[in-house]
Amino acid sequence: MTIAYTRMNDPFRFQSCHAMSDSYVDPGAAQYLNADRDKSFDSESPVVRANQIYEIHPNFTIPGLGHVCSGDVAAVKGDGAKWISMFPRGIYRIS
């Protein structure tokens, strides 16, 4: 099977890495993490500070089948970050 969409042209894609607060409109950060990004925009990246919570979730769209999003949540600490999510990682059949 060939997937018609890429990370950049998927019309169903939404923020795959963003801060979490009381609003889903927190600035996304995924575009600043992509190795192929236009680095001239890096100065516009959201500032990451201690005690912030981020959700990181890959999104997959398979045309004609559906869209899947599964995420992890991390807390930014002064000396790094700590995963908050504890669900075991893996591939699971959904019936």
Protein backbone atom coordinates (compact mmCIF):
# COMPACT_ATOMS: atom_id res chain seq x y z
CA MET A 1 0.00 0.00 0.00
CA THR A 2 1.25 3.47 -0.87
CA ILE A 3 0.34 6.33 1.47
CA ALA A 4 -0.70 9.41 -0.50
CA TYR A 5 0.16 11.94 2.20
CA THR A 6 3.47 13.07 3.61
CA ARG A 7 4.06 14.85 6.90
CA MET A 8 3.94 18.18 5.10
CA ASN A 9 0.89 17.72 2.83
CA ASP A 10 -1.52 15.74 5.01
CA PRO A 11 -4.75 17.82 5.07
CA PHE A 12 -5.87 16.13 8.31
CA ARG A 13 -2.64 16.73 10.21
CA PHE A 14 -2.62 18.89 13.31
CA GLN A 15 0.04 19.88 15.81
CA SER A 16 2.16 16.84 16.68
CA CYS A 17 4.04 18.57 19.50
CA HIS A 18 2.53 21.36 21.55
CA ALA A 19 2.36 22.79 25.03
CA MET A 20 -0.69 21.94 27.11
CA SER A 21 -2.55 24.46 29.20
CA ASP A 22 -6.17 25.54 29.28
CA SER A 23 -6.21 26.07 25.50
CA TYR A 24 -5.48 23.83 22.52
CA VAL A 25 -4.20 26.86 20.63
CA ASP A 26 -0.86 26.84 22.47
CA PRO A 27 1.85 27.29 19.85
CA GLY A 28 2.93 24.11 18.12
CA ALA A 29 6.58 23.11 18.29
CA ALA A 30 6.84 20.30 15.72
CA GLN A 31 7.94 22.60 12.91
CA TYR A 32 10.96 23.60 15.02
CA LEU A 33 11.97 19.97 15.63
CA ASN A 34 12.07 18.81 12.00
CA ALA A 35 15.66 18.35 10.79
CA ASP A 36 14.63 19.62 7.32
CA ARG A 37 13.07 22.81 8.71
CA ASP A 38 13.84 26.32 7.49
CA LYS A 39 16.20 27.28 10.33
CA SER A 40 15.77 30.99 9.60
CA PHE A 41 12.49 30.75 11.57
CA ASP A 42 14.06 29.16 14.68
CA SER A 43 14.02 32.46 16.56
CA GLU A 44 10.19 32.31 16.39
CA SER A 45 10.10 28.96 18.19
CA PRO A 46 8.02 28.87 21.39
CA VAL A 47 10.16 29.18 24.51
CA VAL A 48 10.33 25.97 26.51
CA ARG A 49 10.54 26.55 30.26
CA ALA A 50 10.66 24.39 33.36
CA ASN A 51 7.27 23.20 34.63
CA GLN A 52 5.63 23.25 31.20
CA ILE A 53 3.72 20.19 30.00
CA TYR A 54 4.03 19.06 26.37
CA GLU A 55 2.09 16.51 24.37
CA ILE A 56 4.01 14.69 21.67
CA HIS A 57 1.97 12.59 19.29
CA PRO A 58 2.62 11.26 15.82
CA ASN A 59 -0.34 11.43 13.47
CA PHE A 60 -0.98 8.98 10.67
CA THR A 61 -3.57 9.29 7.91
CA ILE A 62 -4.29 6.42 5.55
CA PRO A 63 -6.55 7.65 2.72
CA GLY A 64 -9.83 5.76 2.63
CA LEU A 65 -9.17 4.13 6.00
CA GLY A 66 -8.81 6.82 8.65
CA HIS A 67 -6.61 8.91 10.92
CA VAL A 68 -4.72 7.75 14.00
CA CYS A 69 -3.15 9.85 16.72
CA SER A 70 -1.42 8.43 19.79
CA GLY A 71 0.43 10.63 22.22
CA ASP A 72 2.74 10.87 25.18
CA VAL A 73 2.89 13.66 27.71
CA ALA A 74 6.13 15.02 29.17
CA ALA A 75 6.88 17.50 31.94
CA VAL A 76 9.78 19.88 31.32
CA LYS A 77 12.09 20.02 34.33
CA GLY A 78 15.04 22.30 35.05
CA ASP A 79 17.44 19.49 34.13
CA GLY A 80 15.55 17.90 31.22
CA ALA A 81 12.15 16.30 30.79
CA LYS A 82 10.26 13.39 32.31
CA TRP A 83 7.63 11.27 30.59
CA ILE A 84 4.33 11.42 32.43
CA SER A 85 2.56 8.87 30.22
CA MET A 86 2.94 5.34 31.51
CA PHE A 87 1.09 3.30 28.85
CA PRO A 88 3.37 0.58 27.39
CA ARG A 89 4.58 1.44 23.90
CA GLY A 90 3.96 -0.93 21.03
CA ILE A 91 1.63 -1.74 18.18
CA TYR A 92 -1.83 -2.93 19.15
CA ARG A 93 -4.56 -4.39 16.99
CA ILE A 94 -7.79 -2.44 17.25
CA SER A 95 -10.78 -4.56 16.31
